[in-house]
Amino acid sequence: MNDLFAERIAGIPWVVVAAVAALVALAYAVLPAAQDATGATFIILRWAHSVAWLFFAAAALARARIVNVPMEWSAPLAATGGLVYVVFMVTTMGRG
């Protein structure tokens, strides 16, 4: 296994970026959201933010090279997180 803090972005280890992204996902998983929404809107508003941050955390872990995941997966994981986040934002803006 490589050194946990060897791979970095802007001086910050990827493993730290992954941990922060996972904490953001956890925080939004427990925060109440979308009390008055129903159906698909409820699901998007309740879970999409957390799911997006989980994808970002997975991408950072792939970049950290500490898990047995090809580093080439980091870009598609991050892009999927970005797409989920865009769906979340569009849904949020559509309610305002």
PDB file of N, CA and C in Angstrom:
ATOM      1  N   MET A   1       0.845  -1.180   0.000  1.00  0.00           N
ATOM      2  CA  MET A   1       0.000   0.000   0.000  1.00  0.00           C
ATOM      3  C   MET A   1       0.887   1.237   0.000  1.00  0.00           C
ATOM      4  N   ASN A   2       0.514   2.217  -0.791  1.00  0.00           N
ATOM      5  CA  ASN A   2       1.262   3.465  -0.856  1.00  0.00           C
ATOM      6  C   ASN A   2       1.055   4.289   0.400  1.00  0.00           C
ATOM      7  N   ASP A   3       1.916   5.280   0.558  1.00  0.00           N
ATOM      8  CA  ASP A   3       1.750   6.231   1.644  1.00  0.00           C
ATOM      9  C   ASP A   3       0.400   6.927   1.470  1.00  0.00           C
ATOM     10  N   LEU A   4      -0.401   6.993   2.542  1.00  0.00           N
ATOM     11  CA  LEU A   4      -1.746   7.577   2.458  1.00  0.00           C
ATOM     12  C   LEU A   4      -1.745   9.021   1.977  1.00  0.00           C
ATOM     13  N   PHE A   5      -0.676   9.734   2.254  1.00  0.00           N
ATOM     14  CA  PHE A   5      -0.656  11.163   1.958  1.00  0.00           C
ATOM     15  C   PHE A   5       0.297  11.520   0.817  1.00  0.00           C
ATOM     16  N   ALA A   6       0.708  10.520   0.021  1.00  0.00           N
ATOM     17  CA  ALA A   6       1.680  10.768  -1.043  1.00  0.00           C
ATOM     18  C   ALA A   6       1.062  11.525  -2.219  1.00  0.00           C
ATOM     19  N   GLU A   7      -0.111  11.119  -2.645  1.00  0.00           N
ATOM     20  CA  GLU A   7      -0.763  11.764  -3.788  1.00  0.00           C
ATOM     21  C   GLU A   7      -1.492  13.002  -3.320  1.00  0.00           C
ATOM     22  N   ARG A   8      -1.261  14.135  -3.995  1.00  0.00           N
ATOM     23  CA  ARG A   8      -1.806  15.420  -3.529  1.00  0.00           C
ATOM     24  C   ARG A   8      -2.406  16.239  -4.671  1.00  0.00           C
ATOM     25  N   ILE A   9      -3.286  17.160  -4.291  1.00  0.00           N
ATOM     26  CA  ILE A   9      -3.803  18.190  -5.187  1.00  0.00           C
ATOM     27  C   ILE A   9      -3.679  19.513  -4.441  1.00  0.00           C
ATOM     28  N   ALA A  10      -2.990  20.444  -5.029  1.00  0.00           N
ATOM     29  CA  ALA A  10      -2.759  21.749  -4.420  1.00  0.00           C
ATOM     30  C   ALA A  10      -2.203  21.611  -3.000  1.00  0.00           C
ATOM     31  N   GLY A  11      -1.355  20.617  -2.806  1.00  0.00           N
ATOM     32  CA  GLY A  11      -0.738  20.400  -1.508  1.00  0.00           C
ATOM     33  C   GLY A  11      -1.578  19.623  -0.512  1.00  0.00           C
ATOM     34  N   ILE A  12      -2.828  19.337  -0.869  1.00  0.00           N
ATOM     35  CA  ILE A  12      -3.729  18.604   0.031  1.00  0.00           C
ATOM     36  C   ILE A  12      -3.780  17.146  -0.425  1.00  0.00           C
ATOM     37  N   PRO A  13      -3.540  16.211   0.484  1.00  0.00           N
ATOM     38  CA  PRO A  13      -3.594  14.799   0.090  1.00  0.00           C
ATOM     39  C   PRO A  13      -4.996  14.406  -0.388  1.00  0.00           C
ATOM     40  N   TRP A  14      -5.030  13.595  -1.438  1.00  0.00           N
ATOM     41  CA  TRP A  14      -6.316  13.143  -1.977  1.00  0.00           C
ATOM     42  C   TRP A  14      -7.138  12.404  -0.937  1.00  0.00           C
ATOM     43  N   VAL A  15      -6.471  11.698  -0.029  1.00  0.00           N
ATOM     44  CA  VAL A  15      -7.211  10.965   0.994  1.00  0.00           C
ATOM     45  C   VAL A  15      -7.942  11.932   1.929  1.00  0.00           C
ATOM     46  N   VAL A  16      -7.373  13.114   2.168  1.00  0.00           N
ATOM     47  CA  VAL A  16      -8.045  14.131   2.982  1.00  0.00           C
ATOM     48  C   VAL A  16      -9.237  14.697   2.212  1.00  0.00           C
ATOM     49  N   VAL A  17      -9.052  14.928   0.915  1.00  0.00           N
ATOM     50  CA  VAL A  17     -10.161  15.404   0.078  1.00  0.00           C
ATOM     51  C   VAL A  17     -11.298  14.385   0.099  1.00  0.00           C
ATOM     52  N   ALA A  18     -10.963  13.108   0.011  1.00  0.00           N
ATOM     53  CA  ALA A  18     -11.979  12.049   0.044  1.00  0.00           C
ATOM     54  C   ALA A  18     -12.707  12.040   1.381  1.00  0.00           C
ATOM     55  N   ALA A  19     -11.974  12.205   2.474  1.00  0.00           N
ATOM     56  CA  ALA A  19     -12.597  12.216   3.798  1.00  0.00           C
ATOM     57  C   ALA A  19     -13.539  13.395   3.966  1.00  0.00           C
ATOM     58  N   VAL A  20     -13.139  14.556   3.496  1.00  0.00           N
ATOM     59  CA  VAL A  20     -14.002  15.737   3.589  1.00  0.00           C
ATOM     60  C   VAL A  20     -15.258  15.539   2.744  1.00  0.00           C
ATOM     61  N   ALA A  21     -15.104  15.014   1.538  1.00  0.00           N
ATOM     62  CA  ALA A  21     -16.266  14.763   0.678  1.00  0.00           C
ATOM     63  C   ALA A  21     -17.201  13.749   1.328  1.00  0.00           C
ATOM     64  N   ALA A  22     -16.656  12.727   1.960  1.00  0.00           N
ATOM     65  CA  ALA A  22     -17.496  11.733   2.642  1.00  0.00           C
ATOM     66  C   ALA A  22     -18.227  12.360   3.824  1.00  0.00           C
ATOM     67  N   LEU A  23     -17.568  13.268   4.536  1.00  0.00           N
ATOM     68  CA  LEU A  23     -18.236  13.963   5.653  1.00  0.00           C
ATOM     69  C   LEU A  23     -19.368  14.856   5.165  1.00  0.00           C
ATOM     70  N   VAL A  24     -19.164  15.519   4.035  1.00  0.00           N
ATOM     71  CA  VAL A  24     -20.235  16.342   3.452  1.00  0.00           C
ATOM     72  C   VAL A  24     -21.413  15.447   3.069  1.00  0.00           C
ATOM     73  N   ALA A  25     -21.128  14.300   2.456  1.00  0.00           N
ATOM     74  CA  ALA A  25     -22.188  13.359   2.086  1.00  0.00           C
ATOM     75  C   ALA A  25     -22.946  12.888   3.318  1.00  0.00           C
ATOM     76  N   LEU A  26     -22.235  12.579   4.381  1.00  0.00           N
ATOM     77  CA  LEU A  26     -22.874  12.135   5.618  1.00  0.00           C
ATOM     78  C   LEU A  26     -23.724  13.235   6.228  1.00  0.00           C
ATOM     79  N   ALA A  27     -23.200  14.454   6.233  1.00  0.00           N
ATOM     80  CA  ALA A  27     -23.954  15.570   6.808  1.00  0.00           C
ATOM     81  C   ALA A  27     -25.280  15.771   6.079  1.00  0.00           C
ATOM     82  N   TYR A  28     -25.233  15.749   4.753  1.00  0.00           N
ATOM     83  CA  TYR A  28     -26.468  15.941   3.999  1.00  0.00           C
ATOM     84  C   TYR A  28     -27.378  14.721   4.030  1.00  0.00           C
ATOM     85  N   ALA A  29     -26.854  13.580   4.386  1.00  0.00           N
ATOM     86  CA  ALA A  29     -27.694  12.389   4.533  1.00  0.00           C
ATOM     87  C   ALA A  29     -28.541  12.463   5.797  1.00  0.00           C
ATOM     88  N   VAL A  30     -28.052  13.169   6.809  1.00  0.00           N
ATOM     89  CA  VAL A  30     -28.797  13.242   8.068  1.00  0.00           C
ATOM     90  C   VAL A  30     -29.585  14.531   8.225  1.00  0.00           C
ATOM     91  N   LEU A  31     -29.272  15.552   7.439  1.00  0.00           N
ATOM     92  CA  LEU A  31     -30.028  16.806   7.509  1.00  0.00           C
ATOM     93  C   LEU A  31     -31.394  16.630   6.868  1.00  0.00           C
ATOM     94  N   PRO A  32     -32.420  17.159   7.496  1.00  0.00           N
ATOM     95  CA  PRO A  32     -33.750  17.058   6.881  1.00  0.00           C
ATOM     96  C   PRO A  32     -33.831  17.930   5.630  1.00  0.00           C
ATOM     97  N   ALA A  33     -34.501  17.420   4.625  1.00  0.00           N
ATOM     98  CA  ALA A  33     -34.655  18.164   3.370  1.00  0.00           C
ATOM     99  C   ALA A  33     -35.952  17.759   2.705  1.00  0.00           C
ATOM    100  N   ALA A  34     -36.490  18.652   1.940  1.00  0.00           N
ATOM    101  CA  ALA A  34     -37.633  18.369   1.069  1.00  0.00           C
ATOM    102  C   ALA A  34     -38.849  17.853   1.827  1.00  0.00           C
ATOM    103  N   GLN A  35     -39.203  18.505   2.918  1.00  0.00           N
ATOM    104  CA  GLN A  35     -40.342  18.041   3.702  1.00  0.00           C
ATOM    105  C   GLN A  35     -41.657  18.062   2.912  1.00  0.00           C
ATOM    106  N   ASP A  36     -41.858  19.070   2.076  1.00  0.00           N
ATOM    107  CA  ASP A  36     -43.128  19.184   1.365  1.00  0.00           C
ATOM    108  C   ASP A  36     -43.085  18.615  -0.058  1.00  0.00           C
ATOM    109  N   ALA A  37     -41.959  18.074  -0.479  1.00  0.00           N
ATOM    110  CA  ALA A  37     -41.840  17.514  -1.824  1.00  0.00           C
ATOM    111  C   ALA A  37     -42.389  16.090  -1.857  1.00  0.00           C
ATOM    112  N   THR A  38     -42.761  15.656  -3.057  1.00  0.00           N
ATOM    113  CA  THR A  38     -43.274  14.295  -3.228  1.00  0.00           C
ATOM    114  C   THR A  38     -42.633  13.658  -4.456  1.00  0.00           C
ATOM    115  N   GLY A  39     -42.727  12.355  -4.534  1.00  0.00           N
ATOM    116  CA  GLY A  39     -42.282  11.612  -5.705  1.00  0.00           C
ATOM    117  C   GLY A  39     -40.804  11.770  -6.002  1.00  0.00           C
ATOM    118  N   ALA A  40     -40.487  11.898  -7.300  1.00  0.00           N
ATOM    119  CA  ALA A  40     -39.104  11.994  -7.744  1.00  0.00           C
ATOM    120  C   ALA A  40     -38.431  13.244  -7.188  1.00  0.00           C
ATOM    121  N   THR A  41     -39.184  14.327  -7.065  1.00  0.00           N
ATOM    122  CA  THR A  41     -38.617  15.555  -6.502  1.00  0.00           C
ATOM    123  C   THR A  41     -38.138  15.325  -5.078  1.00  0.00           C
ATOM    124  N   PHE A  42     -38.912  14.599  -4.298  1.00  0.00           N
ATOM    125  CA  PHE A  42     -38.501  14.293  -2.931  1.00  0.00           C
ATOM    126  C   PHE A  42     -37.204  13.485  -2.923  1.00  0.00           C
ATOM    127  N   ILE A  43     -37.138  12.460  -3.765  1.00  0.00           N
ATOM    128  CA  ILE A  43     -35.953  11.604  -3.799  1.00  0.00           C
ATOM    129  C   ILE A  43     -34.724  12.411  -4.213  1.00  0.00           C
ATOM    130  N   ILE A  44     -34.874  13.251  -5.224  1.00  0.00           N
ATOM    131  CA  ILE A  44     -33.745  14.063  -5.689  1.00  0.00           C
ATOM    132  C   ILE A  44     -33.300  15.031  -4.605  1.00  0.00           C
ATOM    133  N   LEU A  45     -34.252  15.763  -4.029  1.00  0.00           N
ATOM    134  CA  LEU A  45     -33.889  16.747  -3.012  1.00  0.00           C
ATOM    135  C   LEU A  45     -33.358  16.098  -1.741  1.00  0.00           C
ATOM    136  N   ARG A  46     -33.824  14.913  -1.433  1.00  0.00           N
ATOM    137  CA  ARG A  46     -33.396  14.249  -0.199  1.00  0.00           C
ATOM    138  C   ARG A  46     -32.040  13.567  -0.338  1.00  0.00           C
ATOM    139  N   TRP A  47     -31.779  12.932  -1.495  1.00  0.00           N
ATOM    140  CA  TRP A  47     -30.603  12.085  -1.597  1.00  0.00           C
ATOM    141  C   TRP A  47     -29.558  12.492  -2.624  1.00  0.00           C
ATOM    142  N   ALA A  48     -29.888  13.289  -3.610  1.00  0.00           N
ATOM    143  CA  ALA A  48     -28.937  13.574  -4.697  1.00  0.00           C
ATOM    144  C   ALA A  48     -27.682  14.289  -4.214  1.00  0.00           C
ATOM    145  N   HIS A  49     -27.828  15.199  -3.268  1.00  0.00           N
ATOM    146  CA  HIS A  49     -26.658  15.923  -2.779  1.00  0.00           C
ATOM    147  C   HIS A  49     -25.668  14.960  -2.129  1.00  0.00           C
ATOM    148  N   SER A  50     -26.173  14.066  -1.305  1.00  0.00           N
ATOM    149  CA  SER A  50     -25.298  13.076  -0.665  1.00  0.00           C
ATOM    150  C   SER A  50     -24.676  12.132  -1.687  1.00  0.00           C
ATOM    151  N   VAL A  51     -25.457  11.689  -2.642  1.00  0.00           N
ATOM    152  CA  VAL A  51     -24.940  10.771  -3.661  1.00  0.00           C
ATOM    153  C   VAL A  51     -23.842  11.446  -4.482  1.00  0.00           C
ATOM    154  N   ALA A  52     -24.044  12.705  -4.836  1.00  0.00           N
ATOM    155  CA  ALA A  52     -23.019  13.431  -5.591  1.00  0.00           C
ATOM    156  C   ALA A  52     -21.707  13.477  -4.809  1.00  0.00           C
ATOM    157  N   TRP A  53     -21.778  13.799  -3.537  1.00  0.00           N
ATOM    158  CA  TRP A  53     -20.563  13.881  -2.720  1.00  0.00           C
ATOM    159  C   TRP A  53     -19.934  12.505  -2.503  1.00  0.00           C
ATOM    160  N   LEU A  54     -20.723  11.449  -2.506  1.00  0.00           N
ATOM    161  CA  LEU A  54     -20.143  10.108  -2.432  1.00  0.00           C
ATOM    162  C   LEU A  54     -19.353   9.792  -3.708  1.00  0.00           C
ATOM    163  N   PHE A  55     -19.859  10.224  -4.849  1.00  0.00           N
ATOM    164  CA  PHE A  55     -19.112  10.047  -6.092  1.00  0.00           C
ATOM    165  C   PHE A  55     -17.816  10.847  -6.058  1.00  0.00           C
ATOM    166  N   PHE A  56     -17.868  12.076  -5.529  1.00  0.00           N
ATOM    167  CA  PHE A  56     -16.655  12.889  -5.414  1.00  0.00           C
ATOM    168  C   PHE A  56     -15.644  12.219  -4.487  1.00  0.00           C
ATOM    169  N   ALA A  57     -16.119  11.643  -3.387  1.00  0.00           N
ATOM    170  CA  ALA A  57     -15.230  10.942  -2.455  1.00  0.00           C
ATOM    171  C   ALA A  57     -14.602   9.726  -3.129  1.00  0.00           C
ATOM    172  N   ALA A  58     -15.395   8.988  -3.887  1.00  0.00           N
ATOM    173  CA  ALA A  58     -14.869   7.814  -4.596  1.00  0.00           C
ATOM    174  C   ALA A  58     -13.823   8.227  -5.629  1.00  0.00           C
ATOM    175  N   ALA A  59     -14.063   9.330  -6.319  1.00  0.00           N
ATOM    176  CA  ALA A  59     -13.086   9.822  -7.296  1.00  0.00           C
ATOM    177  C   ALA A  59     -11.784  10.211  -6.602  1.00  0.00           C
ATOM    178  N   ALA A  60     -11.885  10.859  -5.463  1.00  0.00           N
ATOM    179  CA  ALA A  60     -10.681  11.248  -4.719  1.00  0.00           C
ATOM    180  C   ALA A  60      -9.931  10.025  -4.212  1.00  0.00           C
ATOM    181  N   LEU A  61     -10.655   8.997  -3.779  1.00  0.00           N
ATOM    182  CA  LEU A  61      -9.987   7.760  -3.345  1.00  0.00           C
ATOM    183  C   LEU A  61      -9.268   7.086  -4.506  1.00  0.00           C
ATOM    184  N   ALA A  62      -9.874   7.127  -5.684  1.00  0.00           N
ATOM    185  CA  ALA A  62      -9.209   6.554  -6.859  1.00  0.00           C
ATOM    186  C   ALA A  62      -7.922   7.317  -7.156  1.00  0.00           C
ATOM    187  N   ARG A  63      -7.965   8.638  -7.016  1.00  0.00           N
ATOM    188  CA  ARG A  63      -6.769   9.462  -7.243  1.00  0.00           C
ATOM    189  C   ARG A  63      -5.715   9.238  -6.174  1.00  0.00           C
ATOM    190  N   ALA A  64      -6.149   8.893  -4.965  1.00  0.00           N
ATOM    191  CA  ALA A  64      -5.211   8.697  -3.858  1.00  0.00           C
ATOM    192  C   ALA A  64      -4.389   7.429  -4.030  1.00  0.00           C
ATOM    193  N   ARG A  65      -4.852   6.515  -4.870  1.00  0.00           N
ATOM    194  CA  ARG A  65      -4.156   5.253  -5.151  1.00  0.00           C
ATOM    195  C   ARG A  65      -3.973   4.385  -3.905  1.00  0.00           C
ATOM    196  N   ILE A  66      -4.923   4.441  -2.979  1.00  0.00           N
ATOM    197  CA  ILE A  66      -4.819   3.589  -1.788  1.00  0.00           C
ATOM    198  C   ILE A  66      -5.833   2.456  -1.825  1.00  0.00           C
ATOM    199  N   VAL A  67      -6.737   2.508  -2.788  1.00  0.00           N
ATOM    200  CA  VAL A  67      -7.707   1.427  -2.959  1.00  0.00           C
ATOM    201  C   VAL A  67      -7.412   0.738  -4.282  1.00  0.00           C
ATOM    202  N   ASN A  68      -7.892  -0.468  -4.428  1.00  0.00           N
ATOM    203  CA  ASN A  68      -7.632  -1.246  -5.629  1.00  0.00           C
ATOM    204  C   ASN A  68      -8.613  -0.874  -6.743  1.00  0.00           C
ATOM    205  N   VAL A  69      -8.600   0.400  -7.103  1.00  0.00           N
ATOM    206  CA  VAL A  69      -9.452   0.925  -8.173  1.00  0.00           C
ATOM    207  C   VAL A  69      -8.527   1.634  -9.158  1.00  0.00           C
ATOM    208  N   PRO A  70      -8.683   1.389 -10.438  1.00  0.00           N
ATOM    209  CA  PRO A  70      -7.830   2.082 -11.402  1.00  0.00           C
ATOM    210  C   PRO A  70      -7.993   3.604 -11.308  1.00  0.00           C
ATOM    211  N   MET A  71      -6.878   4.318 -11.361  1.00  0.00           N
ATOM    212  CA  MET A  71      -6.924   5.772 -11.278  1.00  0.00           C
ATOM    213  C   MET A  71      -7.732   6.365 -12.445  1.00  0.00           C
ATOM    214  N   GLU A  72      -7.815   5.642 -13.553  1.00  0.00           N
ATOM    215  CA  GLU A  72      -8.572   6.131 -14.709  1.00  0.00           C
ATOM    216  C   GLU A  72     -10.063   6.269 -14.399  1.00  0.00           C
ATOM    217  N   TRP A  73     -10.517   5.635 -13.331  1.00  0.00           N
ATOM    218  CA  TRP A  73     -11.925   5.736 -12.948  1.00  0.00           C
ATOM    219  C   TRP A  73     -12.243   7.063 -12.275  1.00  0.00           C
ATOM    220  N   SER A  74     -11.239   7.796 -11.850  1.00  0.00           N
ATOM    221  CA  SER A  74     -11.501   9.020 -11.091  1.00  0.00           C
ATOM    222  C   SER A  74     -12.278  10.055 -11.910  1.00  0.00           C
ATOM    223  N   ALA A  75     -11.928  10.236 -13.168  1.00  0.00           N
ATOM    224  CA  ALA A  75     -12.630  11.227 -13.991  1.00  0.00           C
ATOM    225  C   ALA A  75     -14.101  10.862 -14.211  1.00  0.00           C
ATOM    226  N   PRO A  76     -14.419   9.616 -14.591  1.00  0.00           N
ATOM    227  CA  PRO A  76     -15.841   9.274 -14.741  1.00  0.00           C
ATOM    228  C   PRO A  76     -16.614   9.358 -13.421  1.00  0.00           C
ATOM    229  N   LEU A  77     -15.981   8.987 -12.313  1.00  0.00           N
ATOM    230  CA  LEU A  77     -16.659   9.096 -11.018  1.00  0.00           C
ATOM    231  C   LEU A  77     -16.955  10.555 -10.678  1.00  0.00           C
ATOM    232  N   ALA A  78     -15.960  11.417 -10.893  1.00  0.00           N
ATOM    233  CA  ALA A  78     -16.158  12.840 -10.616  1.00  0.00           C
ATOM    234  C   ALA A  78     -17.203  13.441 -11.557  1.00  0.00           C
ATOM    235  N   ALA A  79     -17.182  13.049 -12.829  1.00  0.00           N
ATOM    236  CA  ALA A  79     -18.165  13.565 -13.786  1.00  0.00           C
ATOM    237  C   ALA A  79     -19.577  13.116 -13.416  1.00  0.00           C
ATOM    238  N   THR A  80     -19.721  11.876 -12.975  1.00  0.00           N
ATOM    239  CA  THR A  80     -21.034  11.389 -12.544  1.00  0.00           C
ATOM    240  C   THR A  80     -21.509  12.170 -11.322  1.00  0.00           C
ATOM    241  N   GLY A  81     -20.606  12.423 -10.390  1.00  0.00           N
ATOM    242  CA  GLY A  81     -20.956  13.256  -9.241  1.00  0.00           C
ATOM    243  C   GLY A  81     -21.404  14.636  -9.674  1.00  0.00           C
ATOM    244  N   GLY A  82     -20.709  15.195 -10.648  1.00  0.00           N
ATOM    245  CA  GLY A  82     -21.088  16.508 -11.164  1.00  0.00           C
ATOM    246  C   GLY A  82     -22.462  16.502 -11.812  1.00  0.00           C
ATOM    247  N   LEU A  83     -22.760  15.464 -12.576  1.00  0.00           N
ATOM    248  CA  LEU A  83     -24.082  15.359 -13.206  1.00  0.00           C
ATOM    249  C   LEU A  83     -25.191  15.216 -12.171  1.00  0.00           C
ATOM    250  N   VAL A  84     -24.948  14.397 -11.154  1.00  0.00           N
ATOM    251  CA  VAL A  84     -25.939  14.246 -10.079  1.00  0.00           C
ATOM    252  C   VAL A  84     -26.137  15.576  -9.376  1.00  0.00           C
ATOM    253  N   TYR A  85     -25.045  16.309  -9.167  1.00  0.00           N
ATOM    254  CA  TYR A  85     -25.141  17.612  -8.504  1.00  0.00           C
ATOM    255  C   TYR A  85     -25.929  18.609  -9.358  1.00  0.00           C
ATOM    256  N   VAL A  86     -25.729  18.574 -10.678  1.00  0.00           N
ATOM    257  CA  VAL A  86     -26.491  19.454 -11.569  1.00  0.00           C
ATOM    258  C   VAL A  86     -27.985  19.137 -11.487  1.00  0.00           C
ATOM    259  N   VAL A  87     -28.335  17.851 -11.469  1.00  0.00           N
ATOM    260  CA  VAL A  87     -29.748  17.456 -11.326  1.00  0.00           C
ATOM    261  C   VAL A  87     -30.311  17.996 -10.013  1.00  0.00           C
ATOM    262  N   PHE A  88     -29.531  17.878  -8.955  1.00  0.00           N
ATOM    263  CA  PHE A  88     -29.939  18.397  -7.642  1.00  0.00           C
ATOM    264  C   PHE A  88     -30.174  19.905  -7.711  1.00  0.00           C
ATOM    265  N   MET A  89     -29.239  20.635  -8.313  1.00  0.00           N
ATOM    266  CA  MET A  89     -29.347  22.104  -8.389  1.00  0.00           C
ATOM    267  C   MET A  89     -30.528  22.540  -9.261  1.00  0.00           C
ATOM    268  N   VAL A  90     -30.724  21.875 -10.395  1.00  0.00           N
ATOM    269  CA  VAL A  90     -31.855  22.219 -11.267  1.00  0.00           C
ATOM    270  C   VAL A  90     -33.169  21.972 -10.540  1.00  0.00           C
ATOM    271  N   THR A  91     -33.259  20.877  -9.831  1.00  0.00           N
ATOM    272  CA  THR A  91     -34.473  20.571  -9.054  1.00  0.00           C
ATOM    273  C   THR A  91     -34.682  21.597  -7.953  1.00  0.00           C
ATOM    274  N   THR A  92     -33.621  21.974  -7.284  1.00  0.00           N
ATOM    275  CA  THR A  92     -33.711  22.984  -6.230  1.00  0.00           C
ATOM    276  C   THR A  92     -34.162  24.323  -6.784  1.00  0.00           C
ATOM    277  N   MET A  93     -33.571  24.745  -7.894  1.00  0.00           N
ATOM    278  CA  MET A  93     -33.937  26.032  -8.499  1.00  0.00           C
ATOM    279  C   MET A  93     -35.361  26.032  -9.034  1.00  0.00           C
ATOM    280  N   GLY A  94     -35.817  24.892  -9.498  1.00  0.00           N
ATOM    281  CA  GLY A  94     -37.167  24.793 -10.032  1.00  0.00           C
ATOM    282  C   GLY A  94     -38.251  24.926  -8.967  1.00  0.00           C
ATOM    283  N   ARG A  95     -37.871  24.750  -7.721  1.00  0.00           N
ATOM    284  CA  ARG A  95     -38.848  24.838  -6.624  1.00  0.00           C
ATOM    285  C   ARG A  95     -38.988  26.259  -6.125  1.00  0.00           C
ATOM    286  N   GLY A  96     -38.010  27.122  -6.431  1.00  0.00           N
ATOM    287  CA  GLY A  96     -37.992  28.471  -5.870  1.00  0.00           C
ATOM    288  C   GLY A  96     -38.892  29.376  -6.590  1.00  0.00           C
TER     289      GLY A  96
END
